[in-house]
Amino acid sequence: MSTSAPPGTPSPAPVSHPPREPRAVTVSFTADALHLVLVDGREVFAPLTWFPRLLNATPPLRANHRLIGLGVGIHWPDLDEVFSVRALLAAE
């Protein structure tokens, strides 16, 4: 029994994999910026002026966050603020 395709049968298309979602592993703040460390080692700084709720929040409210979706997003429940790491990277 042959496992090859009959003559004239087109080859299957290569399998394409979706790009990996950028994921944060840590979230912190400087005096005027949000600082993320990504799983691939990149560090991202974004000015707090991009995030008025974070800009106007107290340090304890900023500190109360959680990574969502294995780090593809960040949620601040007390501030009703959520954003994706991909969106942040696109804004740079």
N, C-alpha and C. Protein backbone atom coordinates (compact mmCIF):
# COMPACT_ATOMS: atom_id res chain seq x y z
N MET A 1 0.84 -1.17 0.00
CA MET A 1 0.00 0.00 0.00
C MET A 1 0.89 1.23 0.00
N SER A 2 0.64 2.15 -0.92
CA SER A 2 1.42 3.36 -1.06
C SER A 2 0.80 4.47 -0.22
N THR A 3 1.65 5.29 0.40
CA THR A 3 1.16 6.42 1.20
C THR A 3 1.31 7.74 0.46
N SER A 4 1.84 7.70 -0.77
CA SER A 4 1.99 8.96 -1.50
C SER A 4 0.68 9.30 -2.20
N ALA A 5 0.52 10.59 -2.52
CA ALA A 5 -0.68 11.06 -3.20
C ALA A 5 -0.62 10.63 -4.66
N PRO A 6 -1.78 10.44 -5.28
CA PRO A 6 -1.79 10.09 -6.69
C PRO A 6 -1.16 11.20 -7.53
N PRO A 7 -0.59 10.84 -8.69
CA PRO A 7 0.03 11.86 -9.54
C PRO A 7 -0.98 12.96 -9.87
N GLY A 8 -0.51 14.21 -9.91
CA GLY A 8 -1.36 15.33 -10.24
C GLY A 8 -2.09 15.94 -9.05
N THR A 9 -1.99 15.31 -7.88
CA THR A 9 -2.63 15.84 -6.68
C THR A 9 -1.78 16.98 -6.13
N PRO A 10 -2.37 18.15 -5.91
CA PRO A 10 -1.57 19.27 -5.38
C PRO A 10 -1.05 18.97 -3.98
N SER A 11 0.10 19.52 -3.69
CA SER A 11 0.67 19.37 -2.35
C SER A 11 -0.19 20.16 -1.36
N PRO A 12 -0.30 19.67 -0.14
CA PRO A 12 -1.06 20.42 0.86
C PRO A 12 -0.36 21.74 1.16
N ALA A 13 -1.16 22.74 1.47
CA ALA A 13 -0.60 24.05 1.82
C ALA A 13 0.15 23.94 3.14
N PRO A 14 1.23 24.69 3.27
CA PRO A 14 1.94 24.65 4.55
C PRO A 14 1.04 25.16 5.66
N VAL A 15 1.22 24.59 6.83
CA VAL A 15 0.43 25.00 7.98
C VAL A 15 1.00 26.29 8.52
N SER A 16 0.13 27.28 8.67
CA SER A 16 0.61 28.53 9.26
C SER A 16 0.06 28.62 10.67
N HIS A 17 0.90 29.09 11.54
CA HIS A 17 0.53 29.23 12.95
C HIS A 17 0.28 30.69 13.24
N PRO A 18 -0.75 30.99 14.02
CA PRO A 18 -0.99 32.40 14.36
C PRO A 18 0.17 32.97 15.15
N PRO A 19 0.42 34.26 15.02
CA PRO A 19 1.51 34.84 15.80
C PRO A 19 1.22 34.71 17.29
N ARG A 20 2.27 34.58 18.04
CA ARG A 20 2.09 34.47 19.50
C ARG A 20 1.71 35.82 20.07
N GLU A 21 0.78 35.77 21.00
CA GLU A 21 0.35 37.00 21.68
C GLU A 21 1.47 37.47 22.60
N PRO A 22 1.79 38.75 22.57
CA PRO A 22 2.75 39.26 23.56
C PRO A 22 2.14 39.15 24.95
N ARG A 23 2.96 38.73 25.90
CA ARG A 23 2.45 38.51 27.26
C ARG A 23 3.34 39.20 28.28
N ALA A 24 2.71 39.86 29.23
CA ALA A 24 3.44 40.50 30.33
C ALA A 24 3.68 39.50 31.45
N VAL A 25 4.81 39.66 32.11
CA VAL A 25 5.08 38.85 33.30
C VAL A 25 5.14 39.71 34.56
N THR A 26 5.49 40.99 34.40
CA THR A 26 5.45 41.90 35.54
C THR A 26 4.92 43.27 35.11
N VAL A 27 4.29 43.92 36.05
CA VAL A 27 3.75 45.26 35.85
C VAL A 27 4.22 46.12 37.02
N SER A 28 4.78 47.28 36.72
CA SER A 28 5.19 48.20 37.77
C SER A 28 5.06 49.62 37.23
N PHE A 29 5.38 50.58 38.08
CA PHE A 29 5.24 51.98 37.71
C PHE A 29 6.48 52.75 38.10
N THR A 30 6.83 53.73 37.27
CA THR A 30 7.80 54.75 37.66
C THR A 30 6.96 55.97 38.05
N ALA A 31 7.59 57.09 38.28
CA ALA A 31 6.84 58.29 38.66
C ALA A 31 5.86 58.72 37.59
N ASP A 32 6.19 58.46 36.32
CA ASP A 32 5.33 58.95 35.24
C ASP A 32 5.06 57.93 34.13
N ALA A 33 5.36 56.65 34.39
CA ALA A 33 5.17 55.65 33.34
C ALA A 33 4.73 54.30 33.89
N LEU A 34 4.04 53.57 33.05
CA LEU A 34 3.72 52.17 33.28
C LEU A 34 4.87 51.36 32.71
N HIS A 35 5.36 50.38 33.44
CA HIS A 35 6.49 49.55 33.02
C HIS A 35 6.06 48.10 32.98
N LEU A 36 6.19 47.48 31.82
CA LEU A 36 5.89 46.05 31.66
C LEU A 36 7.16 45.31 31.28
N VAL A 37 7.32 44.11 31.82
CA VAL A 37 8.33 43.18 31.34
C VAL A 37 7.56 42.05 30.67
N LEU A 38 7.94 41.76 29.42
CA LEU A 38 7.25 40.74 28.65
C LEU A 38 7.95 39.40 28.78
N VAL A 39 7.24 38.34 28.47
CA VAL A 39 7.75 36.99 28.62
C VAL A 39 9.00 36.77 27.76
N ASP A 40 9.12 37.50 26.65
CA ASP A 40 10.30 37.35 25.79
C ASP A 40 11.47 38.23 26.22
N GLY A 41 11.33 38.93 27.36
CA GLY A 41 12.41 39.73 27.90
C GLY A 41 12.34 41.21 27.56
N ARG A 42 11.50 41.59 26.62
CA ARG A 42 11.38 43.01 26.29
C ARG A 42 10.80 43.77 27.47
N GLU A 43 11.21 45.03 27.58
CA GLU A 43 10.65 45.93 28.58
C GLU A 43 9.96 47.07 27.84
N VAL A 44 8.78 47.41 28.30
CA VAL A 44 7.98 48.44 27.66
C VAL A 44 7.62 49.49 28.71
N PHE A 45 7.84 50.74 28.34
CA PHE A 45 7.44 51.86 29.19
C PHE A 45 6.41 52.66 28.40
N ALA A 46 5.31 52.99 29.05
CA ALA A 46 4.27 53.81 28.42
C ALA A 46 3.93 54.95 29.37
N PRO A 47 3.85 56.16 28.86
CA PRO A 47 3.55 57.29 29.75
C PRO A 47 2.17 57.16 30.38
N LEU A 48 2.09 57.49 31.64
CA LEU A 48 0.81 57.44 32.34
C LEU A 48 -0.23 58.38 31.73
N THR A 49 0.22 59.38 31.01
CA THR A 49 -0.73 60.29 30.36
C THR A 49 -1.60 59.56 29.33
N TRP A 50 -1.16 58.38 28.87
CA TRP A 50 -1.97 57.56 27.96
C TRP A 50 -3.14 56.91 28.70
N PHE A 51 -3.06 56.84 30.02
CA PHE A 51 -4.04 56.13 30.83
C PHE A 51 -4.54 57.05 31.95
N PRO A 52 -5.49 57.92 31.67
CA PRO A 52 -5.92 58.90 32.68
C PRO A 52 -6.34 58.28 34.01
N ARG A 53 -6.99 57.12 33.98
CA ARG A 53 -7.40 56.50 35.25
C ARG A 53 -6.19 56.09 36.08
N LEU A 54 -5.16 55.56 35.42
CA LEU A 54 -3.95 55.19 36.14
C LEU A 54 -3.19 56.43 36.59
N LEU A 55 -3.14 57.45 35.74
CA LEU A 55 -2.45 58.69 36.07
C LEU A 55 -3.03 59.32 37.34
N ASN A 56 -4.35 59.30 37.47
CA ASN A 56 -5.01 59.95 38.61
C ASN A 56 -5.19 59.03 39.81
N ALA A 57 -4.80 57.78 39.69
CA ALA A 57 -4.98 56.81 40.78
C ALA A 57 -3.85 56.93 41.81
N THR A 58 -4.17 56.52 43.02
CA THR A 58 -3.15 56.46 44.07
C THR A 58 -2.26 55.25 43.83
N PRO A 59 -1.05 55.25 44.37
CA PRO A 59 -0.17 54.08 44.22
C PRO A 59 -0.82 52.76 44.67
N PRO A 60 -1.57 52.72 45.78
CA PRO A 60 -2.20 51.45 46.14
C PRO A 60 -3.24 50.98 45.10
N LEU A 61 -3.97 51.91 44.50
CA LEU A 61 -4.93 51.52 43.46
C LEU A 61 -4.21 51.01 42.21
N ARG A 62 -3.11 51.64 41.85
CA ARG A 62 -2.32 51.16 40.71
C ARG A 62 -1.75 49.78 40.98
N ALA A 63 -1.35 49.55 42.22
CA ALA A 63 -0.73 48.27 42.57
C ALA A 63 -1.72 47.12 42.56
N ASN A 64 -3.01 47.42 42.68
CA ASN A 64 -4.02 46.36 42.69
C ASN A 64 -4.42 46.03 41.25
N HIS A 65 -3.62 45.20 40.64
CA HIS A 65 -3.88 44.76 39.26
C HIS A 65 -3.68 43.26 39.18
N ARG A 66 -4.16 42.69 38.08
CA ARG A 66 -3.91 41.27 37.84
C ARG A 66 -3.71 41.05 36.36
N LEU A 67 -2.83 40.11 36.05
CA LEU A 67 -2.64 39.72 34.66
C LEU A 67 -3.79 38.81 34.26
N ILE A 68 -4.31 39.01 33.08
CA ILE A 68 -5.42 38.17 32.59
C ILE A 68 -4.98 37.47 31.31
N GLY A 69 -5.57 36.32 31.06
CA GLY A 69 -5.24 35.57 29.85
C GLY A 69 -3.78 35.19 29.76
N LEU A 70 -3.21 34.72 30.86
CA LEU A 70 -1.79 34.35 30.92
C LEU A 70 -0.87 35.52 30.57
N GLY A 71 -1.32 36.74 30.87
CA GLY A 71 -0.49 37.92 30.66
C GLY A 71 -0.76 38.68 29.38
N VAL A 72 -1.78 38.28 28.60
CA VAL A 72 -2.08 39.04 27.38
C VAL A 72 -2.82 40.33 27.71
N GLY A 73 -3.31 40.46 28.92
CA GLY A 73 -4.01 41.67 29.33
C GLY A 73 -3.74 41.97 30.79
N ILE A 74 -4.10 43.19 31.18
CA ILE A 74 -3.93 43.64 32.57
C ILE A 74 -5.23 44.29 33.01
N HIS A 75 -5.65 43.96 34.22
CA HIS A 75 -6.93 44.46 34.76
C HIS A 75 -6.68 45.12 36.10
N TRP A 76 -7.22 46.34 36.24
CA TRP A 76 -7.24 47.06 37.52
C TRP A 76 -8.69 47.10 37.97
N PRO A 77 -9.12 46.17 38.82
CA PRO A 77 -10.54 46.09 39.18
C PRO A 77 -11.07 47.33 39.89
N ASP A 78 -10.27 47.95 40.75
CA ASP A 78 -10.74 49.13 41.48
C ASP A 78 -10.91 50.35 40.57
N LEU A 79 -10.24 50.33 39.42
CA LEU A 79 -10.28 51.47 38.51
C LEU A 79 -11.13 51.20 37.27
N ASP A 80 -11.63 49.98 37.15
CA ASP A 80 -12.39 49.56 35.97
C ASP A 80 -11.58 49.82 34.70
N GLU A 81 -10.31 49.44 34.74
CA GLU A 81 -9.39 49.64 33.62
C GLU A 81 -8.86 48.29 33.17
N VAL A 82 -8.92 48.05 31.87
CA VAL A 82 -8.40 46.82 31.28
C VAL A 82 -7.76 47.19 29.95
N PHE A 83 -6.60 46.62 29.66
CA PHE A 83 -6.07 46.78 28.32
C PHE A 83 -5.21 45.58 27.96
N SER A 84 -5.02 45.39 26.67
CA SER A 84 -4.21 44.27 26.19
C SER A 84 -2.78 44.74 25.95
N VAL A 85 -1.86 43.81 26.13
CA VAL A 85 -0.45 44.11 25.87
C VAL A 85 -0.27 44.41 24.39
N ARG A 86 -0.95 43.68 23.52
CA ARG A 86 -0.85 43.91 22.08
C ARG A 86 -1.26 45.35 21.73
N ALA A 87 -2.35 45.84 22.31
CA ALA A 87 -2.79 47.21 22.05
C ALA A 87 -1.75 48.22 22.51
N LEU A 88 -1.15 47.97 23.65
CA LEU A 88 -0.12 48.87 24.15
C LEU A 88 1.07 48.90 23.20
N LEU A 89 1.49 47.74 22.74
CA LEU A 89 2.62 47.68 21.80
C LEU A 89 2.29 48.37 20.49
N ALA A 90 1.07 48.26 20.04
CA ALA A 90 0.65 48.90 18.78
C ALA A 90 0.66 50.42 18.90
N ALA A 91 0.47 50.92 20.11
CA ALA A 91 0.38 52.37 20.32
C ALA A 91 1.76 53.02 20.36
N GLU A 92 2.81 52.23 20.53
CA GLU A 92 4.15 52.81 20.66
C GLU A 92 4.56 53.52 19.40
